[in-house]
Amino acid sequence: MAEEGQYQPKISPKRLKLEEIVEEGGDDRISVLPDYLLHEILCRLPSTKDAIRTGTLSKRWEHLWTSVPTLIFTNTDYYDIFTESPRNPNSRSDFVSFVDKTLTQCRQLKLQKFQLDLRFWNKESLIEVLLDENLFISSCLTKLRLDSCKLNPSGAISWANLRRLCISWGHIDEDLIENILSGSPLLETLVLNYCYGYRRLDITSKSVKN
């Protein structure tokens, strides 16, 4: 007769070690995963604000979001999509303060994705977001989408690695288009949606959708 436990499956040393760590540290099994896997989890959350909230889970998660290569800011928490109005009088300034504070705490030097989503509270006028000058000379951009942004570079645009550019709801004239093309040698696709300011396009070397 076989002794008790003789045919029970053996537990691998790695699994045993993992269980010991979880038991000693008191964290869940997800928390003991390596940083790059936890970063991947945080990158898949809807927004950076959601990633920051994971800091309350444990000490392991507290500052993990500051090294995530994806930043997504959306002001839906401050804006009522049904009434198309702010939830409170200070909602816009609260959102701006949140973005500023988050950027100062972020330790990631090489972002893979940056997204800023602003809702317009006044349907009667088009509000354009003013872009920082450093954006126009960034060599790390490969894909860029700009919606309702004011494109007014003070000098030549330099997007050395940009391959796809989509501009929607903005003023763009022939000079700006020439500036974009001359400063984006690797650009493969240029998409213009509901843009105004130019009279004609004469581009043969680029794929342009209007």
N, C-alpha and C. Protein backbone atom coordinates (compact mmCIF):
# COMPACT_ATOMS: atom_id res chain seq x y z
N MET A 1 0.85 -1.19 0.00
CA MET A 1 0.00 0.00 0.00
C MET A 1 0.89 1.24 0.00
N ALA A 2 0.51 2.16 -0.85
CA ALA A 2 1.31 3.39 -0.96
C ALA A 2 1.11 4.24 0.28
N GLU A 3 2.20 4.84 0.73
CA GLU A 3 2.12 5.71 1.89
C GLU A 3 1.43 7.01 1.51
N GLU A 4 0.84 7.66 2.50
CA GLU A 4 0.10 8.90 2.26
C GLU A 4 1.04 9.98 1.72
N GLY A 5 0.62 10.62 0.60
CA GLY A 5 1.42 11.70 0.01
C GLY A 5 2.45 11.22 -0.99
N GLN A 6 2.54 9.87 -1.21
CA GLN A 6 3.57 9.36 -2.11
C GLN A 6 3.36 9.82 -3.54
N TYR A 7 2.11 9.91 -3.98
CA TYR A 7 1.81 10.27 -5.37
C TYR A 7 1.31 11.70 -5.51
N GLN A 8 1.50 12.52 -4.51
CA GLN A 8 1.14 13.92 -4.63
C GLN A 8 2.14 14.64 -5.52
N PRO A 9 1.68 15.59 -6.37
CA PRO A 9 2.60 16.29 -7.28
C PRO A 9 3.62 17.11 -6.51
N LYS A 10 4.84 17.12 -7.04
CA LYS A 10 5.90 17.88 -6.42
C LYS A 10 5.75 19.38 -6.74
N ILE A 11 6.09 20.20 -5.78
CA ILE A 11 6.03 21.65 -5.97
C ILE A 11 7.42 22.12 -6.38
N SER A 12 7.48 22.83 -7.49
CA SER A 12 8.78 23.30 -7.98
C SER A 12 9.38 24.29 -6.99
N PRO A 13 10.72 24.35 -6.92
CA PRO A 13 11.38 25.30 -6.01
C PRO A 13 10.98 26.75 -6.27
N LYS A 14 10.80 27.12 -7.55
CA LYS A 14 10.44 28.49 -7.88
C LYS A 14 9.06 28.83 -7.32
N ARG A 15 8.11 27.91 -7.49
CA ARG A 15 6.76 28.16 -6.99
C ARG A 15 6.75 28.21 -5.47
N LEU A 16 7.54 27.31 -4.86
CA LEU A 16 7.62 27.30 -3.41
C LEU A 16 8.20 28.61 -2.89
N LYS A 17 9.24 29.10 -3.58
CA LYS A 17 9.86 30.36 -3.19
C LYS A 17 8.87 31.51 -3.30
N LEU A 18 8.07 31.51 -4.39
CA LEU A 18 7.09 32.56 -4.59
C LEU A 18 6.04 32.55 -3.47
N GLU A 19 5.58 31.35 -3.10
CA GLU A 19 4.59 31.25 -2.05
C GLU A 19 5.15 31.70 -0.71
N GLU A 20 6.43 31.43 -0.49
CA GLU A 20 7.06 31.87 0.75
C GLU A 20 7.14 33.39 0.82
N ILE A 21 7.48 34.02 -0.31
CA ILE A 21 7.57 35.48 -0.35
C ILE A 21 6.22 36.12 -0.09
N VAL A 22 5.18 35.57 -0.73
CA VAL A 22 3.84 36.12 -0.54
C VAL A 22 3.40 35.98 0.90
N GLU A 23 3.70 34.83 1.50
CA GLU A 23 3.27 34.59 2.87
C GLU A 23 4.02 35.49 3.85
N GLU A 24 5.33 35.68 3.61
CA GLU A 24 6.12 36.50 4.52
C GLU A 24 5.81 37.98 4.35
N GLY A 25 5.69 38.43 3.12
CA GLY A 25 5.49 39.85 2.87
C GLY A 25 4.06 40.30 3.02
N GLY A 26 3.13 39.37 2.92
CA GLY A 26 1.73 39.73 3.08
C GLY A 26 1.12 40.36 1.84
N ASP A 27 1.86 40.43 0.72
CA ASP A 27 1.33 41.02 -0.51
C ASP A 27 0.62 39.96 -1.34
N ASP A 28 -0.18 40.40 -2.29
CA ASP A 28 -0.82 39.47 -3.20
C ASP A 28 0.19 39.00 -4.23
N ARG A 29 -0.19 38.01 -5.01
CA ARG A 29 0.75 37.41 -5.96
C ARG A 29 1.12 38.36 -7.09
N ILE A 30 0.21 39.27 -7.42
CA ILE A 30 0.52 40.24 -8.47
C ILE A 30 1.63 41.18 -8.02
N SER A 31 1.63 41.55 -6.78
CA SER A 31 2.58 42.52 -6.27
C SER A 31 4.02 42.02 -6.30
N VAL A 32 4.21 40.71 -6.33
CA VAL A 32 5.58 40.19 -6.33
C VAL A 32 6.12 40.00 -7.74
N LEU A 33 5.35 40.36 -8.74
CA LEU A 33 5.83 40.30 -10.12
C LEU A 33 6.91 41.35 -10.34
N PRO A 34 7.79 41.14 -11.31
CA PRO A 34 8.82 42.13 -11.59
C PRO A 34 8.24 43.45 -12.07
N ASP A 35 9.02 44.52 -11.95
CA ASP A 35 8.52 45.86 -12.27
C ASP A 35 7.99 45.98 -13.69
N TYR A 36 8.68 45.37 -14.66
CA TYR A 36 8.27 45.57 -16.04
C TYR A 36 6.89 44.99 -16.32
N LEU A 37 6.51 43.93 -15.59
CA LEU A 37 5.16 43.37 -15.76
C LEU A 37 4.11 44.25 -15.07
N LEU A 38 4.48 44.79 -13.90
CA LEU A 38 3.55 45.69 -13.21
C LEU A 38 3.36 46.97 -14.01
N HIS A 39 4.43 47.46 -14.64
CA HIS A 39 4.32 48.64 -15.50
C HIS A 39 3.36 48.36 -16.66
N GLU A 40 3.43 47.14 -17.20
CA GLU A 40 2.54 46.78 -18.31
C GLU A 40 1.09 46.79 -17.85
N ILE A 41 0.84 46.35 -16.63
CA ILE A 41 -0.52 46.37 -16.08
C ILE A 41 -1.01 47.81 -15.95
N LEU A 42 -0.16 48.68 -15.41
CA LEU A 42 -0.56 50.07 -15.21
C LEU A 42 -0.77 50.78 -16.55
N CYS A 43 0.00 50.41 -17.56
CA CYS A 43 -0.15 51.03 -18.88
C CYS A 43 -1.51 50.72 -19.50
N ARG A 44 -2.11 49.63 -19.09
CA ARG A 44 -3.38 49.21 -19.68
C ARG A 44 -4.60 49.79 -18.96
N LEU A 45 -4.35 50.54 -17.90
CA LEU A 45 -5.46 51.20 -17.21
C LEU A 45 -5.96 52.38 -18.03
N PRO A 46 -7.24 52.78 -17.86
CA PRO A 46 -7.82 53.84 -18.70
C PRO A 46 -7.09 55.18 -18.61
N SER A 47 -6.55 55.52 -17.44
CA SER A 47 -5.91 56.82 -17.30
C SER A 47 -4.80 56.76 -16.26
N THR A 48 -3.96 57.79 -16.25
CA THR A 48 -2.90 57.89 -15.27
C THR A 48 -3.47 58.03 -13.86
N LYS A 49 -4.61 58.68 -13.74
CA LYS A 49 -5.23 58.82 -12.43
C LYS A 49 -5.57 57.46 -11.84
N ASP A 50 -6.00 56.54 -12.68
CA ASP A 50 -6.28 55.17 -12.21
C ASP A 50 -4.99 54.49 -11.77
N ALA A 51 -3.90 54.74 -12.51
CA ALA A 51 -2.61 54.16 -12.14
C ALA A 51 -2.14 54.69 -10.80
N ILE A 52 -2.34 55.98 -10.55
CA ILE A 52 -1.94 56.59 -9.28
C ILE A 52 -2.72 55.98 -8.13
N ARG A 53 -3.98 55.68 -8.35
CA ARG A 53 -4.82 55.13 -7.29
C ARG A 53 -4.32 53.77 -6.80
N THR A 54 -3.60 53.04 -7.64
CA THR A 54 -3.08 51.74 -7.21
C THR A 54 -2.02 51.90 -6.12
N GLY A 55 -1.53 53.11 -5.92
CA GLY A 55 -0.53 53.34 -4.88
C GLY A 55 -1.04 53.08 -3.49
N THR A 56 -2.37 53.00 -3.32
CA THR A 56 -2.95 52.74 -2.00
C THR A 56 -3.01 51.24 -1.69
N LEU A 57 -2.67 50.40 -2.67
CA LEU A 57 -2.76 48.96 -2.46
C LEU A 57 -1.75 48.47 -1.44
N SER A 58 -0.50 48.93 -1.58
CA SER A 58 0.57 48.53 -0.67
C SER A 58 1.79 49.38 -0.93
N LYS A 59 2.82 49.20 -0.11
CA LYS A 59 4.08 49.92 -0.29
C LYS A 59 4.70 49.59 -1.65
N ARG A 60 4.48 48.37 -2.10
CA ARG A 60 5.04 47.93 -3.39
C ARG A 60 4.52 48.78 -4.55
N TRP A 61 3.28 49.25 -4.44
CA TRP A 61 2.63 49.98 -5.53
C TRP A 61 2.73 51.49 -5.36
N GLU A 62 3.18 51.97 -4.22
CA GLU A 62 3.04 53.38 -3.87
C GLU A 62 3.63 54.33 -4.91
N HIS A 63 4.86 54.06 -5.35
CA HIS A 63 5.52 54.95 -6.31
C HIS A 63 5.75 54.28 -7.67
N LEU A 64 5.12 53.14 -7.87
CA LEU A 64 5.34 52.39 -9.10
C LEU A 64 4.89 53.16 -10.34
N TRP A 65 3.81 53.92 -10.22
CA TRP A 65 3.24 54.63 -11.38
C TRP A 65 4.19 55.70 -11.92
N THR A 66 5.11 56.21 -11.09
CA THR A 66 5.99 57.29 -11.53
C THR A 66 6.98 56.85 -12.60
N SER A 67 7.14 55.54 -12.78
CA SER A 67 8.08 55.03 -13.77
C SER A 67 7.38 54.41 -14.98
N VAL A 68 6.06 54.57 -15.06
CA VAL A 68 5.31 54.00 -16.18
C VAL A 68 5.55 54.84 -17.44
N PRO A 69 5.82 54.21 -18.59
CA PRO A 69 6.12 54.95 -19.83
C PRO A 69 4.90 55.48 -20.57
N THR A 70 3.74 55.47 -19.92
CA THR A 70 2.51 55.94 -20.55
C THR A 70 1.81 56.93 -19.62
N LEU A 71 1.47 58.10 -20.15
CA LEU A 71 0.72 59.09 -19.38
C LEU A 71 -0.55 59.44 -20.15
N ILE A 72 -1.68 59.23 -19.50
CA ILE A 72 -2.98 59.51 -20.12
C ILE A 72 -3.79 60.39 -19.16
N PHE A 73 -4.07 61.60 -19.60
CA PHE A 73 -4.84 62.54 -18.78
C PHE A 73 -6.18 62.82 -19.46
N THR A 74 -7.26 62.61 -18.74
CA THR A 74 -8.58 62.91 -19.27
C THR A 74 -9.40 63.58 -18.18
N ASN A 75 -10.11 64.62 -18.52
CA ASN A 75 -10.83 65.38 -17.50
C ASN A 75 -12.28 64.97 -17.36
N THR A 76 -12.61 63.72 -17.67
CA THR A 76 -13.99 63.26 -17.53
C THR A 76 -14.44 63.27 -16.08
N ASP A 77 -13.50 63.21 -15.14
CA ASP A 77 -13.87 63.27 -13.72
C ASP A 77 -14.34 64.67 -13.33
N TYR A 78 -13.93 65.65 -14.14
CA TYR A 78 -14.28 67.03 -13.82
C TYR A 78 -15.38 67.57 -14.73
N TYR A 79 -15.78 66.77 -15.71
CA TYR A 79 -16.69 67.25 -16.75
C TYR A 79 -17.88 66.31 -16.88
N ASP A 80 -19.06 66.85 -16.93
CA ASP A 80 -20.27 66.06 -17.06
C ASP A 80 -20.62 65.93 -18.54
N ILE A 81 -20.45 64.73 -19.09
CA ILE A 81 -20.64 64.53 -20.53
C ILE A 81 -22.12 64.64 -20.92
N PHE A 82 -23.03 64.54 -19.98
CA PHE A 82 -24.46 64.60 -20.31
C PHE A 82 -24.96 66.04 -20.38
N THR A 83 -24.50 66.87 -19.45
CA THR A 83 -24.92 68.27 -19.46
C THR A 83 -23.92 69.16 -20.17
N GLU A 84 -22.76 68.59 -20.58
CA GLU A 84 -21.69 69.33 -21.26
C GLU A 84 -21.29 70.56 -20.45
N SER A 85 -21.07 70.37 -19.18
CA SER A 85 -20.68 71.46 -18.29
C SER A 85 -19.76 70.92 -17.21
N PRO A 86 -18.97 71.78 -16.58
CA PRO A 86 -18.08 71.32 -15.50
C PRO A 86 -18.88 70.88 -14.28
N ARG A 87 -18.34 69.94 -13.55
CA ARG A 87 -19.02 69.44 -12.35
C ARG A 87 -18.98 70.47 -11.23
N ASN A 88 -17.95 71.31 -11.21
CA ASN A 88 -17.87 72.37 -10.22
C ASN A 88 -17.13 73.55 -10.82
N PRO A 89 -17.27 74.75 -10.28
CA PRO A 89 -16.67 75.95 -10.87
C PRO A 89 -15.15 75.89 -11.01
N ASN A 90 -14.49 75.10 -10.15
CA ASN A 90 -13.03 75.03 -10.18
C ASN A 90 -12.51 73.80 -10.91
N SER A 91 -13.38 73.14 -11.67
CA SER A 91 -13.00 71.87 -12.28
C SER A 91 -11.84 72.00 -13.26
N ARG A 92 -11.84 73.08 -14.05
CA ARG A 92 -10.77 73.24 -15.03
C ARG A 92 -9.43 73.46 -14.34
N SER A 93 -9.38 74.35 -13.36
CA SER A 93 -8.13 74.61 -12.65
C SER A 93 -7.68 73.39 -11.86
N ASP A 94 -8.62 72.61 -11.33
CA ASP A 94 -8.28 71.38 -10.61
C ASP A 94 -7.60 70.38 -11.54
N PHE A 95 -8.14 70.27 -12.74
CA PHE A 95 -7.56 69.33 -13.71
C PHE A 95 -6.16 69.77 -14.12
N VAL A 96 -5.98 71.05 -14.41
CA VAL A 96 -4.67 71.56 -14.79
C VAL A 96 -3.66 71.35 -13.67
N SER A 97 -4.06 71.60 -12.44
CA SER A 97 -3.18 71.41 -11.28
C SER A 97 -2.79 69.94 -11.14
N PHE A 98 -3.75 69.05 -11.38
CA PHE A 98 -3.48 67.62 -11.30
C PHE A 98 -2.44 67.20 -12.35
N VAL A 99 -2.59 67.69 -13.58
CA VAL A 99 -1.63 67.37 -14.64
C VAL A 99 -0.24 67.89 -14.29
N ASP A 100 -0.16 69.15 -13.85
CA ASP A 100 1.13 69.74 -13.49
C ASP A 100 1.82 68.96 -12.38
N LYS A 101 1.07 68.62 -11.35
CA LYS A 101 1.63 67.89 -10.21
C LYS A 101 2.12 66.51 -10.64
N THR A 102 1.34 65.86 -11.48
CA THR A 102 1.72 64.52 -11.94
C THR A 102 3.00 64.56 -12.75
N LEU A 103 3.13 65.54 -13.63
CA LEU A 103 4.32 65.65 -14.47
C LEU A 103 5.58 65.90 -13.64
N THR A 104 5.45 66.65 -12.55
CA THR A 104 6.62 66.93 -11.70
C THR A 104 7.04 65.69 -10.92
N GLN A 105 6.11 64.76 -10.69
CA GLN A 105 6.43 63.55 -9.93
C GLN A 105 6.87 62.40 -10.82
N CYS A 106 6.60 62.51 -12.10
CA CYS A 106 6.93 61.42 -13.01
C CYS A 106 8.44 61.30 -13.18
N ARG A 107 8.97 60.07 -13.05
CA ARG A 107 10.40 59.82 -13.18
C ARG A 107 10.78 59.20 -14.51
N GLN A 108 9.80 58.90 -15.35
CA GLN A 108 10.06 58.26 -16.63
C GLN A 108 10.57 59.29 -17.63
N LEU A 109 11.80 59.09 -18.13
CA LEU A 109 12.41 60.04 -19.05
C LEU A 109 12.07 59.74 -20.52
N LYS A 110 11.71 58.50 -20.81
CA LYS A 110 11.40 58.12 -22.18
C LYS A 110 9.97 57.61 -22.26
N LEU A 111 9.05 58.52 -22.54
CA LEU A 111 7.65 58.16 -22.64
C LEU A 111 7.35 57.47 -23.96
N GLN A 112 6.52 56.45 -23.91
CA GLN A 112 6.07 55.77 -25.11
C GLN A 112 4.74 56.34 -25.60
N LYS A 113 3.98 56.91 -24.68
CA LYS A 113 2.69 57.48 -25.05
C LYS A 113 2.33 58.60 -24.09
N PHE A 114 1.87 59.72 -24.65
CA PHE A 114 1.38 60.83 -23.85
C PHE A 114 0.06 61.29 -24.46
N GLN A 115 -0.99 61.28 -23.66
CA GLN A 115 -2.33 61.64 -24.16
C GLN A 115 -2.99 62.61 -23.19
N LEU A 116 -3.46 63.72 -23.73
CA LEU A 116 -4.16 64.73 -22.93
C LEU A 116 -5.52 64.97 -23.57
N ASP A 117 -6.57 64.64 -22.83
CA ASP A 117 -7.94 64.74 -23.34
C ASP A 117 -8.68 65.83 -22.59
N LEU A 118 -9.04 66.90 -23.31
CA LEU A 118 -9.77 68.01 -22.71
C LEU A 118 -11.16 68.09 -23.32
N ARG A 119 -12.15 68.27 -22.48
CA ARG A 119 -13.52 68.46 -22.95
C ARG A 119 -13.81 69.95 -23.04
N PHE A 120 -14.57 70.33 -24.06
CA PHE A 120 -14.90 71.74 -24.25
C PHE A 120 -16.22 72.06 -23.56
N TRP A 121 -16.19 73.07 -22.74
CA TRP A 121 -17.37 73.43 -21.98
C TRP A 121 -18.22 74.47 -22.69
N ASN A 122 -17.68 75.11 -23.69
CA ASN A 122 -18.43 76.13 -24.42
C ASN A 122 -18.59 75.70 -25.86
N LYS A 123 -19.79 75.27 -26.23
CA LYS A 123 -20.00 74.78 -27.58
C LYS A 123 -20.01 75.91 -28.60
N GLU A 124 -20.18 77.14 -28.14
CA GLU A 124 -20.29 78.26 -29.07
C GLU A 124 -18.94 78.68 -29.64
N SER A 125 -17.85 78.31 -28.97
CA SER A 125 -16.53 78.70 -29.45
C SER A 125 -15.57 77.53 -29.40
N LEU A 126 -14.64 77.51 -30.31
CA LEU A 126 -13.63 76.46 -30.36
C LEU A 126 -12.43 76.87 -29.52
N ILE A 127 -12.12 76.08 -28.54
CA ILE A 127 -10.99 76.36 -27.67
C ILE A 127 -9.79 75.57 -28.15
N GLU A 128 -8.71 76.26 -28.47
CA GLU A 128 -7.50 75.60 -28.92
C GLU A 128 -6.48 75.55 -27.79
N VAL A 129 -5.86 74.40 -27.64
CA VAL A 129 -4.86 74.21 -26.60
C VAL A 129 -3.51 74.67 -27.13
N LEU A 130 -2.84 75.51 -26.34
CA LEU A 130 -1.53 76.03 -26.73
C LEU A 130 -0.46 75.02 -26.38
N LEU A 131 0.34 74.63 -27.35
CA LEU A 131 1.36 73.61 -27.16
C LEU A 131 2.69 74.22 -26.73
N ASP A 132 3.44 73.46 -25.95
CA ASP A 132 4.76 73.90 -25.52
C ASP A 132 5.72 73.84 -26.71
N GLU A 133 6.64 74.79 -26.76
CA GLU A 133 7.59 74.87 -27.88
C GLU A 133 8.45 73.61 -28.00
N ASN A 134 8.73 72.96 -26.87
CA ASN A 134 9.60 71.78 -26.90
C ASN A 134 8.98 70.63 -27.70
N LEU A 135 7.65 70.64 -27.81
CA LEU A 135 7.01 69.57 -28.56
C LEU A 135 7.40 69.61 -30.04
N PHE A 136 7.65 70.80 -30.56
CA PHE A 136 7.93 70.95 -32.00
C PHE A 136 9.37 70.56 -32.37
N ILE A 137 10.20 70.27 -31.38
CA ILE A 137 11.58 69.88 -31.65
C ILE A 137 11.91 68.57 -30.95
N SER A 138 10.91 67.72 -30.81
CA SER A 138 11.10 66.44 -30.13
C SER A 138 11.50 65.36 -31.13
N SER A 139 12.59 64.68 -30.85
CA SER A 139 13.08 63.63 -31.74
C SER A 139 12.58 62.24 -31.31
N CYS A 140 11.85 62.17 -30.20
CA CYS A 140 11.40 60.87 -29.70
C CYS A 140 10.01 60.49 -30.22
N LEU A 141 9.30 61.43 -30.84
CA LEU A 141 7.95 61.15 -31.30
C LEU A 141 7.97 60.28 -32.55
N THR A 142 7.13 59.24 -32.55
CA THR A 142 6.96 58.41 -33.74
C THR A 142 5.53 58.51 -34.28
N LYS A 143 4.56 58.71 -33.37
CA LYS A 143 3.17 58.92 -33.75
C LYS A 143 2.63 60.08 -32.93
N LEU A 144 1.90 60.97 -33.57
CA LEU A 144 1.39 62.15 -32.88
C LEU A 144 0.00 62.48 -33.39
N ARG A 145 -0.92 62.68 -32.43
CA ARG A 145 -2.28 63.09 -32.78
C ARG A 145 -2.61 64.35 -32.01
N LEU A 146 -3.04 65.38 -32.71
CA LEU A 146 -3.35 66.67 -32.10
C LEU A 146 -4.78 67.05 -32.46
N ASP A 147 -5.61 67.22 -31.44
CA ASP A 147 -7.00 67.62 -31.64
C ASP A 147 -7.23 68.97 -30.99
N SER A 148 -7.71 69.93 -31.78
CA SER A 148 -8.02 71.28 -31.28
C SER A 148 -6.82 71.91 -30.58
N CYS A 149 -5.67 71.80 -31.20
CA CYS A 149 -4.44 72.38 -30.66
C CYS A 149 -3.99 73.55 -31.53
N LYS A 150 -3.38 74.54 -30.90
CA LYS A 150 -2.88 75.70 -31.62
C LYS A 150 -1.44 75.44 -32.04
N LEU A 151 -1.25 75.32 -33.34
CA LEU A 151 0.08 75.02 -33.88
C LEU A 151 0.76 76.32 -34.28
N ASN A 152 1.64 76.82 -33.43
CA ASN A 152 2.33 78.07 -33.72
C ASN A 152 3.81 77.98 -33.34
N PRO A 153 4.56 77.09 -33.98
CA PRO A 153 5.99 76.98 -33.65
C PRO A 153 6.72 78.28 -33.97
N SER A 154 7.64 78.67 -33.08
CA SER A 154 8.38 79.91 -33.29
C SER A 154 9.49 79.76 -34.33
N GLY A 155 9.86 78.50 -34.60
CA GLY A 155 10.93 78.25 -35.57
C GLY A 155 10.63 77.00 -36.38
N ALA A 156 11.68 76.39 -36.87
CA ALA A 156 11.53 75.20 -37.70
C ALA A 156 11.13 74.00 -36.86
N ILE A 157 10.22 73.21 -37.38
CA ILE A 157 9.80 71.98 -36.71
C ILE A 157 10.86 70.92 -36.95
N SER A 158 11.13 70.11 -35.90
CA SER A 158 12.10 69.04 -36.02
C SER A 158 11.54 67.78 -35.38
N TRP A 159 10.89 66.97 -36.20
CA TRP A 159 10.37 65.68 -35.77
C TRP A 159 11.10 64.60 -36.54
N ALA A 160 12.32 64.31 -36.09
CA ALA A 160 13.23 63.45 -36.86
C ALA A 160 12.72 62.02 -37.03
N ASN A 161 11.93 61.52 -36.08
CA ASN A 161 11.49 60.13 -36.13
C ASN A 161 9.98 59.97 -36.27
N LEU A 162 9.29 61.06 -36.54
CA LEU A 162 7.84 61.00 -36.66
C LEU A 162 7.43 60.30 -37.95
N ARG A 163 6.51 59.32 -37.82
CA ARG A 163 6.06 58.56 -38.98
C ARG A 163 4.58 58.78 -39.29
N ARG A 164 3.81 59.14 -38.28
CA ARG A 164 2.38 59.36 -38.51
C ARG A 164 1.92 60.57 -37.72
N LEU A 165 1.22 61.47 -38.41
CA LEU A 165 0.71 62.69 -37.78
C LEU A 165 -0.74 62.88 -38.14
N CYS A 166 -1.58 63.07 -37.13
CA CYS A 166 -3.01 63.32 -37.35
C CYS A 166 -3.38 64.63 -36.66
N ILE A 167 -3.91 65.58 -37.41
CA ILE A 167 -4.33 66.87 -36.87
C ILE A 167 -5.82 67.06 -37.13
N SER A 168 -6.56 67.37 -36.07
CA SER A 168 -8.01 67.55 -36.19
C SER A 168 -8.43 68.86 -35.53
N TRP A 169 -9.41 69.51 -36.14
CA TRP A 169 -10.01 70.72 -35.58
C TRP A 169 -8.96 71.77 -35.22
N GLY A 170 -8.20 72.17 -36.20
CA GLY A 170 -7.19 73.18 -35.95
C GLY A 170 -6.91 74.03 -37.18
N HIS A 171 -6.27 75.18 -36.97
CA HIS A 171 -5.89 76.07 -38.06
C HIS A 171 -4.53 75.64 -38.57
N ILE A 172 -4.45 75.40 -39.87
CA ILE A 172 -3.19 74.98 -40.47
C ILE A 172 -3.12 75.55 -41.89
N ASP A 173 -2.07 76.33 -42.17
CA ASP A 173 -1.94 76.93 -43.49
C ASP A 173 -0.82 76.25 -44.28
N GLU A 174 -0.60 76.72 -45.50
CA GLU A 174 0.39 76.09 -46.37
C GLU A 174 1.80 76.18 -45.80
N ASP A 175 2.15 77.30 -45.17
CA ASP A 175 3.48 77.45 -44.59
C ASP A 175 3.72 76.45 -43.47
N LEU A 176 2.71 76.23 -42.65
CA LEU A 176 2.84 75.28 -41.55
C LEU A 176 2.98 73.86 -42.08
N ILE A 177 2.23 73.53 -43.11
CA ILE A 177 2.33 72.21 -43.72
C ILE A 177 3.73 71.99 -44.27
N GLU A 178 4.30 73.01 -44.92
CA GLU A 178 5.65 72.91 -45.45
C GLU A 178 6.66 72.75 -44.32
N ASN A 179 6.42 73.46 -43.22
CA ASN A 179 7.30 73.35 -42.05
C ASN A 179 7.27 71.94 -41.48
N ILE A 180 6.07 71.36 -41.42
CA ILE A 180 5.92 69.99 -40.91
C ILE A 180 6.64 68.99 -41.80
N LEU A 181 6.44 69.11 -43.09
CA LEU A 181 7.02 68.15 -44.02
C LEU A 181 8.54 68.25 -44.09
N SER A 182 9.05 69.45 -44.07
CA SER A 182 10.50 69.63 -44.14
C SER A 182 11.19 69.18 -42.86
N GLY A 183 10.47 69.23 -41.75
CA GLY A 183 11.06 68.83 -40.47
C GLY A 183 10.75 67.41 -40.06
N SER A 184 10.05 66.67 -40.94
CA SER A 184 9.68 65.28 -40.63
C SER A 184 10.11 64.37 -41.77
N PRO A 185 11.39 64.06 -41.87
CA PRO A 185 11.90 63.30 -43.00
C PRO A 185 11.37 61.87 -43.10
N LEU A 186 10.91 61.29 -42.00
CA LEU A 186 10.42 59.91 -42.00
C LEU A 186 8.90 59.82 -42.04
N LEU A 187 8.23 60.97 -42.16
CA LEU A 187 6.77 60.98 -42.13
C LEU A 187 6.19 60.17 -43.28
N GLU A 188 5.32 59.24 -42.93
CA GLU A 188 4.68 58.38 -43.93
C GLU A 188 3.21 58.74 -44.15
N THR A 189 2.55 59.20 -43.09
CA THR A 189 1.12 59.49 -43.20
C THR A 189 0.80 60.80 -42.49
N LEU A 190 0.11 61.69 -43.19
CA LEU A 190 -0.38 62.94 -42.62
C LEU A 190 -1.89 62.99 -42.80
N VAL A 191 -2.61 63.06 -41.70
CA VAL A 191 -4.08 63.06 -41.73
C VAL A 191 -4.58 64.40 -41.21
N LEU A 192 -5.41 65.10 -41.99
CA LEU A 192 -6.01 66.37 -41.59
C LEU A 192 -7.52 66.20 -41.54
N ASN A 193 -8.08 66.32 -40.33
CA ASN A 193 -9.53 66.17 -40.15
C ASN A 193 -10.15 67.49 -39.69
N TYR A 194 -11.06 68.02 -40.49
CA TYR A 194 -11.79 69.24 -40.13
C TYR A 194 -10.84 70.39 -39.80
N CYS A 195 -9.76 70.50 -40.56
CA CYS A 195 -8.83 71.61 -40.39
C CYS A 195 -9.20 72.75 -41.34
N TYR A 196 -8.75 73.93 -41.04
CA TYR A 196 -9.06 75.09 -41.84
C TYR A 196 -7.83 76.00 -41.92
N GLY A 197 -7.83 76.91 -42.92
CA GLY A 197 -6.73 77.86 -43.03
C GLY A 197 -5.92 77.72 -44.29
N TYR A 198 -5.94 76.53 -44.91
CA TYR A 198 -5.20 76.33 -46.14
C TYR A 198 -6.18 76.30 -47.32
N ARG A 199 -5.66 76.70 -48.48
CA ARG A 199 -6.51 76.75 -49.66
C ARG A 199 -6.34 75.53 -50.56
N ARG A 200 -5.13 74.99 -50.59
CA ARG A 200 -4.91 73.82 -51.43
C ARG A 200 -3.73 73.03 -50.88
N LEU A 201 -3.67 71.76 -51.27
CA LEU A 201 -2.56 70.90 -50.89
C LEU A 201 -1.94 70.34 -52.15
N ASP A 202 -0.62 70.42 -52.23
CA ASP A 202 0.09 69.88 -53.38
C ASP A 202 1.26 69.05 -52.86
N ILE A 203 0.94 67.85 -52.40
CA ILE A 203 1.94 66.98 -51.79
C ILE A 203 1.95 65.67 -52.56
N THR A 204 3.08 65.33 -53.12
CA THR A 204 3.18 64.11 -53.92
C THR A 204 3.99 63.02 -53.23
N SER A 205 4.83 63.39 -52.27
CA SER A 205 5.72 62.42 -51.64
C SER A 205 5.17 61.87 -50.34
N LYS A 206 4.04 62.36 -49.91
CA LYS A 206 3.45 61.90 -48.65
C LYS A 206 2.05 61.37 -48.88
N SER A 207 1.64 60.50 -47.95
CA SER A 207 0.27 59.98 -47.97
C SER A 207 -0.58 60.92 -47.14
N VAL A 208 -1.48 61.66 -47.79
CA VAL A 208 -2.27 62.67 -47.11
C VAL A 208 -3.74 62.32 -47.21
N LYS A 209 -4.42 62.35 -46.06
CA LYS A 209 -5.86 62.16 -46.03
C LYS A 209 -6.50 63.39 -45.48
N ASN A 210 -7.52 63.88 -46.15
CA ASN A 210 -8.18 65.12 -45.71
C ASN A 210 -9.68 64.91 -45.66
